[in-house]
N, C-alpha and C. Protein backbone atom coordinates (compact mmCIF):
# COMPACT_ATOMS: atom_id res chain seq x y z
N UNK A 1 101.20 121.24 67.09
CA UNK A 1 102.66 120.90 67.81
C UNK A 1 103.18 119.52 67.19
N UNK A 2 104.66 119.38 67.47
CA UNK A 2 105.11 117.97 67.62
C UNK A 2 105.83 117.90 68.87
N UNK A 3 106.33 116.59 68.92
CA UNK A 3 107.29 116.75 70.24
C UNK A 3 108.49 117.47 70.18
N UNK A 4 109.02 117.85 69.64
CA UNK A 4 110.40 118.81 69.53
C UNK A 4 110.18 120.13 69.82
N UNK A 5 109.07 120.51 68.83
CA UNK A 5 108.14 122.31 69.10
C UNK A 5 107.60 122.09 70.67
N UNK A 6 107.26 120.80 71.45
CA UNK A 6 106.47 120.95 72.46
C UNK A 6 107.93 121.13 73.34
N UNK A 7 108.73 120.83 73.61
CA UNK A 7 110.10 120.64 74.14
C UNK A 7 110.33 122.10 74.42
N UNK A 8 110.86 122.68 73.41
CA UNK A 8 111.04 123.94 73.24
C UNK A 8 109.85 124.25 73.79
N UNK A 9 108.61 124.66 73.86
CA UNK A 9 108.10 125.49 74.48
C UNK A 9 107.64 125.04 75.86
N UNK A 10 107.69 123.96 76.32
CA UNK A 10 107.83 123.58 78.15
C UNK A 10 109.12 124.41 78.41
N UNK A 11 110.34 124.34 77.70
CA UNK A 11 111.59 124.79 78.06
C UNK A 11 111.37 126.38 78.40
N UNK A 12 110.64 127.31 77.21
CA UNK A 12 110.41 128.25 76.85
C UNK A 12 109.07 128.97 78.06
N UNK A 13 108.65 128.31 78.62
CA UNK A 13 107.68 128.30 79.06
C UNK A 13 108.37 128.05 81.02
N UNK A 14 109.52 127.67 80.93
CA UNK A 14 110.62 127.46 82.58
C UNK A 14 109.84 125.71 83.05
N UNK A 15 108.98 125.26 82.56
CA UNK A 15 109.04 123.91 83.25
C UNK A 15 110.25 122.69 83.02
N UNK A 16 110.42 122.41 84.41
CA UNK A 16 111.66 122.04 84.57
C UNK A 16 111.68 120.49 83.79
N UNK A 17 112.94 120.07 83.24
CA UNK A 17 113.00 118.87 82.65
C UNK A 17 112.28 117.62 83.23
N UNK A 18 112.82 118.07 84.62
CA UNK A 18 112.09 116.36 85.35
C UNK A 18 110.31 116.30 85.67
N UNK A 19 110.11 117.02 84.73
CA UNK A 19 108.68 117.16 85.25
C UNK A 19 107.98 116.06 83.90
N UNK A 20 108.90 115.86 82.69
CA UNK A 20 108.26 114.86 81.85
C UNK A 20 108.83 114.71 81.54
N UNK A 21 109.02 113.58 80.47
CA UNK A 21 109.62 112.56 79.46
C UNK A 21 108.42 112.79 78.02
N UNK A 22 109.69 113.10 77.15
CA UNK A 22 109.44 113.01 75.72
C UNK A 22 110.26 112.45 74.85
N UNK A 23 110.09 111.54 74.08
CA UNK A 23 110.88 111.14 73.15
C UNK A 23 111.63 112.14 71.77
N UNK A 24 112.68 111.76 71.46
CA UNK A 24 113.86 113.13 71.53
C UNK A 24 113.81 113.99 71.91
N UNK A 25 113.66 114.19 72.88
CA UNK A 25 113.56 115.51 73.68
C UNK A 25 114.95 115.56 74.87
N UNK A 26 116.37 116.34 74.35
CA UNK A 26 117.00 116.10 75.63
C UNK A 26 117.05 116.56 76.80
N UNK A 27 117.19 115.57 77.80
CA UNK A 27 117.25 115.91 79.26
C UNK A 27 117.99 115.46 79.87
N UNK A 28 118.26 115.71 81.46
CA UNK A 28 119.38 115.12 81.60
C UNK A 28 119.19 113.64 82.05
N UNK A 29 118.06 113.60 83.13
CA UNK A 29 117.75 111.92 82.87
C UNK A 29 115.87 111.83 83.14
N UNK A 30 115.59 110.75 82.80
CA UNK A 30 114.34 110.67 82.93
C UNK A 30 113.73 110.69 84.54
N UNK A 31 112.51 111.17 84.60
CA UNK A 31 111.88 111.50 85.50
C UNK A 31 111.44 110.63 86.24
N UNK A 32 111.57 110.46 87.73
CA UNK A 32 111.37 109.22 88.02
C UNK A 32 109.64 109.35 88.50
N UNK A 33 109.14 110.75 88.58
CA UNK A 33 107.66 110.85 88.52
C UNK A 33 107.66 112.05 87.73
N UNK A 34 106.04 112.07 87.07
CA UNK A 34 105.64 112.72 85.98
C UNK A 34 105.32 112.36 84.99
N UNK A 35 105.04 113.22 83.68
CA UNK A 35 104.38 112.92 82.58
C UNK A 35 104.76 112.66 81.63
N UNK A 36 104.93 111.79 80.90
CA UNK A 36 105.46 111.01 79.68
C UNK A 36 104.70 111.27 78.40
N UNK A 37 105.17 111.17 77.61
CA UNK A 37 104.42 111.08 76.17
C UNK A 37 105.07 109.51 75.36
N UNK A 38 104.14 109.00 74.79
CA UNK A 38 105.33 107.82 74.00
C UNK A 38 104.08 107.43 73.07
N UNK A 39 104.62 106.48 71.79
CA UNK A 39 104.08 106.51 70.39
C UNK A 39 104.16 104.86 70.65
N UNK A 40 102.89 104.22 70.39
CA UNK A 40 102.99 102.94 70.63
C UNK A 40 101.64 102.43 69.83
N UNK A 41 102.02 101.38 69.07
CA UNK A 41 101.12 101.17 67.71
C UNK A 41 100.61 101.95 67.08
N UNK A 42 101.14 103.04 66.39
CA UNK A 42 100.76 104.09 65.89
C UNK A 42 99.75 105.03 66.63
N UNK A 43 99.87 105.30 68.15
CA UNK A 43 98.73 105.87 68.79
C UNK A 43 99.81 107.05 69.54
N UNK A 44 99.35 107.87 70.32
CA UNK A 44 100.01 108.63 71.04
C UNK A 44 99.65 108.40 72.34
N UNK A 45 100.55 108.34 73.54
CA UNK A 45 100.15 108.17 74.68
C UNK A 45 100.98 108.85 75.58
N UNK A 46 99.92 109.99 76.66
CA UNK A 46 100.26 110.91 77.69
C UNK A 46 99.69 110.19 78.96
N UNK A 47 101.00 109.69 79.46
CA UNK A 47 100.27 109.09 80.67
C UNK A 47 101.47 109.89 82.05
N UNK A 48 101.49 109.03 82.94
CA UNK A 48 102.46 109.54 84.69
C UNK A 48 103.01 108.62 84.92
N UNK A 49 104.26 109.10 84.95
CA UNK A 49 105.31 107.91 85.64
C UNK A 49 105.24 108.34 86.95
N UNK A 50 105.04 107.41 88.39
CA UNK A 50 105.16 107.61 89.68
C UNK A 50 105.21 106.08 90.43
N UNK A 51 106.55 105.83 91.28
CA UNK A 51 106.19 105.19 92.13
C UNK A 51 107.28 104.22 91.17
N UNK A 52 107.71 104.20 90.13
CA UNK A 52 108.12 102.77 89.46
C UNK A 52 107.53 102.53 88.58
N UNK A 53 106.33 102.78 88.60
CA UNK A 53 104.79 102.36 87.23
C UNK A 53 104.69 103.80 86.52
N UNK A 54 103.83 103.01 85.31
CA UNK A 54 103.41 103.96 84.03
C UNK A 54 102.00 103.89 84.25
N UNK A 55 101.24 104.60 83.95
CA UNK A 55 99.99 104.93 83.84
C UNK A 55 99.58 105.45 82.60
N UNK A 56 98.86 104.96 81.61
CA UNK A 56 98.32 106.23 80.90
C UNK A 56 97.49 106.48 81.01
N UNK A 57 97.00 107.87 80.79
CA UNK A 57 95.90 108.92 80.74
C UNK A 57 94.98 109.11 79.69
N UNK A 58 95.95 109.18 78.75
CA UNK A 58 94.91 109.43 77.30
C UNK A 58 95.75 109.33 75.96
N UNK A 59 94.85 108.44 75.24
CA UNK A 59 95.64 108.13 73.95
C UNK A 59 95.30 109.27 72.73
N UNK A 60 95.86 109.27 71.77
CA UNK A 60 95.47 110.06 71.01
C UNK A 60 95.81 109.42 69.50
N UNK A 61 95.00 109.92 68.30
CA UNK A 61 95.25 109.50 67.38
C UNK A 61 97.10 109.98 66.22
N UNK A 62 96.79 111.45 67.04
CA UNK A 62 98.09 112.02 66.22
C UNK A 62 98.46 112.53 66.99
N UNK A 63 100.19 112.91 66.86
CA UNK A 63 100.81 113.50 67.77
C UNK A 63 100.42 114.97 68.21
N UNK A 64 100.02 115.74 67.37
CA UNK A 64 99.69 117.40 67.24
C UNK A 64 98.89 117.12 68.67
N UNK A 65 97.49 116.60 68.35
CA UNK A 65 96.81 116.53 69.71
C UNK A 65 97.10 116.02 71.32
N UNK A 66 98.12 114.88 71.21
CA UNK A 66 98.67 114.52 72.33
C UNK A 66 99.76 115.43 73.22
N UNK A 67 100.29 116.52 72.22
CA UNK A 67 101.28 117.21 72.28
C UNK A 67 100.58 118.10 73.26
N UNK A 68 99.69 118.90 72.15
CA UNK A 68 98.82 120.01 73.05
C UNK A 68 98.19 119.80 74.55
N UNK A 69 97.28 118.17 74.56
CA UNK A 69 96.92 117.97 75.73
C UNK A 69 98.07 117.83 77.16
N UNK A 70 99.59 117.39 76.83
CA UNK A 70 100.55 117.82 77.85
C UNK A 70 100.78 119.00 77.90
N UNK A 71 101.05 119.76 76.99
CA UNK A 71 101.53 121.31 77.16
C UNK A 71 100.32 121.79 77.94
N UNK A 72 99.35 121.61 78.34
CA UNK A 72 98.28 122.39 78.34
C UNK A 72 98.49 121.67 80.48
N UNK A 73 98.80 120.59 80.40
CA UNK A 73 98.63 120.05 81.77
C UNK A 73 99.61 120.82 82.57
N UNK A 74 101.27 120.46 81.79
CA UNK A 74 101.87 121.44 82.42
C UNK A 74 102.47 122.85 82.27
N UNK A 75 101.73 123.38 81.68
CA UNK A 75 101.69 125.06 81.72
C UNK A 75 100.64 125.40 82.51
N UNK A 76 99.55 124.70 82.47
CA UNK A 76 97.96 125.24 83.24
C UNK A 76 98.61 125.68 84.82
N UNK A 77 98.27 126.83 84.96
CA UNK A 77 98.04 127.63 86.28
C UNK A 77 96.67 128.00 86.86
N UNK A 78 97.08 127.32 88.23
CA UNK A 78 95.83 127.07 88.52
C UNK A 78 94.98 128.90 90.00
N UNK A 79 93.96 129.16 89.96
CA UNK A 79 94.02 130.12 90.65
C UNK A 79 94.76 130.19 91.43
N UNK A 80 95.22 131.65 91.98
CA UNK A 80 95.75 131.73 93.38
C UNK A 80 94.26 131.15 94.45
N UNK A 81 95.18 131.15 95.65
CA UNK A 81 94.60 130.96 96.58
C UNK A 81 94.03 131.83 97.70
N UNK A 82 92.92 131.36 97.79
CA UNK A 82 91.94 132.80 98.74
C UNK A 82 92.34 132.67 99.92
N UNK A 83 91.89 133.94 100.64
CA UNK A 83 92.23 134.15 102.19
C UNK A 83 91.31 133.47 103.14
N UNK A 84 92.21 133.06 103.95
CA UNK A 84 91.47 131.79 104.94
C UNK A 84 90.30 132.86 105.90
N UNK A 85 89.47 132.37 106.04
CA UNK A 85 88.01 133.44 106.81
C UNK A 85 88.70 133.03 108.58
N UNK A 86 88.14 133.78 109.32
CA UNK A 86 88.59 133.60 110.64
C UNK A 86 87.89 131.81 111.19
N UNK A 87 86.84 132.00 110.67
CA UNK A 87 86.75 130.68 111.45
C UNK A 87 87.40 129.22 110.85
N UNK A 88 87.98 129.69 109.31
CA UNK A 88 88.83 128.59 108.72
C UNK A 88 90.50 128.55 109.33
N UNK A 89 90.22 129.66 109.94
CA UNK A 89 92.27 130.10 110.46
C UNK A 89 91.50 129.31 111.76
N UNK A 90 90.65 129.44 112.51
CA UNK A 90 90.58 128.46 114.04
C UNK A 90 90.83 127.38 113.86
N UNK A 91 89.40 126.66 112.91
CA UNK A 91 89.67 125.12 112.51
C UNK A 91 90.81 124.53 112.03
N UNK A 92 91.47 125.39 111.62
CA UNK A 92 93.14 124.95 111.22
C UNK A 92 94.23 124.85 112.59
N UNK A 93 93.81 125.52 113.34
CA UNK A 93 94.59 125.33 114.84
C UNK A 93 94.25 124.39 115.54
N UNK A 94 92.94 124.24 115.81
CA UNK A 94 92.22 123.15 116.49
C UNK A 94 91.84 121.93 116.07
N UNK A 95 92.33 121.78 114.61
CA UNK A 95 91.25 120.60 114.21
C UNK A 95 92.07 119.80 113.38
N UNK A 96 93.38 120.06 113.46
CA UNK A 96 94.59 119.26 112.48
C UNK A 96 94.66 117.96 111.68
N UNK A 97 94.00 116.88 112.87
CA UNK A 97 93.30 115.73 112.40
C UNK A 97 92.43 115.16 111.49
N UNK A 98 91.88 116.12 111.63
CA UNK A 98 90.31 116.04 110.71
C UNK A 98 90.61 116.89 109.56
N UNK A 99 91.02 117.53 109.66
CA UNK A 99 91.82 118.63 107.88
C UNK A 99 92.77 117.66 107.56
N UNK A 100 93.60 117.13 108.17
CA UNK A 100 94.62 116.09 107.57
C UNK A 100 94.13 114.86 107.10
N UNK A 101 92.83 114.13 107.62
CA UNK A 101 92.18 113.43 107.53
C UNK A 101 91.40 113.43 106.44
N UNK A 102 90.22 114.50 106.22
CA UNK A 102 90.12 115.11 104.95
C UNK A 102 90.56 115.25 103.68
N UNK A 103 91.67 116.01 103.64
CA UNK A 103 92.55 116.00 102.86
C UNK A 103 93.20 115.02 102.50
N UNK A 104 93.31 113.99 102.95
CA UNK A 104 93.92 112.86 102.41
C UNK A 104 92.78 111.80 101.57
N UNK A 105 91.27 112.30 102.17
CA UNK A 105 90.02 111.39 101.51
C UNK A 105 89.82 112.30 99.72
N UNK A 106 89.94 113.71 100.27
CA UNK A 106 89.88 114.15 98.76
C UNK A 106 90.92 114.56 97.71
N UNK A 107 92.40 113.84 98.24
CA UNK A 107 93.42 113.29 97.35
C UNK A 107 93.29 112.02 96.83
N UNK A 108 92.59 110.76 97.39
CA UNK A 108 92.56 109.73 97.07
C UNK A 108 91.36 110.02 96.08
N UNK A 109 90.08 110.56 96.53
CA UNK A 109 89.25 110.42 95.29
C UNK A 109 89.70 110.74 93.84
N UNK A 110 90.44 112.30 94.23
CA UNK A 110 91.05 113.23 92.98
C UNK A 110 91.67 111.75 92.44
N UNK A 111 92.65 111.27 92.71
CA UNK A 111 93.25 110.08 92.08
C UNK A 111 92.66 109.26 91.24
N UNK A 112 91.74 108.98 92.23
CA UNK A 112 90.58 107.88 91.50
C UNK A 112 90.43 108.67 90.33
N UNK A 113 89.34 109.10 90.15
CA UNK A 113 88.87 110.20 89.35
C UNK A 113 89.73 110.68 87.77
N UNK A 114 91.15 110.53 88.46
CA UNK A 114 91.92 111.61 87.43
C UNK A 114 91.79 109.91 86.53
N UNK A 115 92.54 108.40 87.22
CA UNK A 115 92.66 107.56 86.59
C UNK A 115 91.46 107.02 86.10
N UNK A 116 90.45 107.71 86.02
CA UNK A 116 89.38 107.12 85.46
C UNK A 116 88.56 108.09 84.01
N UNK A 117 89.64 108.78 84.40
CA UNK A 117 89.26 109.99 82.89
C UNK A 117 88.44 111.07 83.24
N UNK A 118 87.79 111.05 84.66
CA UNK A 118 86.63 111.65 84.57
C UNK A 118 86.68 113.33 85.53
N UNK A 119 87.87 113.70 85.84
CA UNK A 119 88.46 114.75 86.37
C UNK A 119 88.01 115.83 85.57
N UNK A 120 88.34 116.90 85.98
CA UNK A 120 87.74 118.51 85.39
C UNK A 120 89.38 119.03 84.95
N UNK A 121 89.36 118.96 83.28
CA UNK A 121 90.50 119.51 82.68
C UNK A 121 90.64 120.88 82.67
N UNK A 122 91.37 121.59 82.74
CA UNK A 122 91.73 123.03 82.98
C UNK A 122 91.45 123.60 81.30
N UNK A 123 90.85 124.43 81.22
CA UNK A 123 90.44 124.96 80.19
C UNK A 123 91.61 124.95 79.21
N UNK A 124 91.03 124.65 77.71
CA UNK A 124 91.71 124.23 76.59
C UNK A 124 92.46 125.65 75.54
N UNK A 125 91.84 127.01 75.86
CA UNK A 125 91.90 127.89 75.21
C UNK A 125 91.90 127.90 73.95
N UNK A 126 90.86 127.06 73.29
CA UNK A 126 90.51 126.69 71.66
C UNK A 126 91.10 125.70 70.95
N UNK A 127 92.02 125.03 71.96
CA UNK A 127 92.92 123.64 71.15
C UNK A 127 92.06 122.73 70.78
């Protein structure tokens, strides 16, 4: 898959243009936050653009692998949420500050892992 095919595949999958920036892929305007694909010094880079900064997540030797990796990230659907137990419902009602603190800690850990490239990626489906 090249970047033109990726652009078509993302549109066919219903991924909004605002979630990505791909060279030669016409879109309304570049996203302020989202994924990007870039070619630098013979390599293909996939990264995220957030808060005005670009951060490379992964580098590939060829366009096809970079496009496949980006396609996986933008089209992966996580499993549906599970129902809350009575105890979890009770905790939500009575310990909102503790839950918010733990959620912030989990977010910070996940972001740190993502930046180190150690987070678990979604299944690749044989790509």
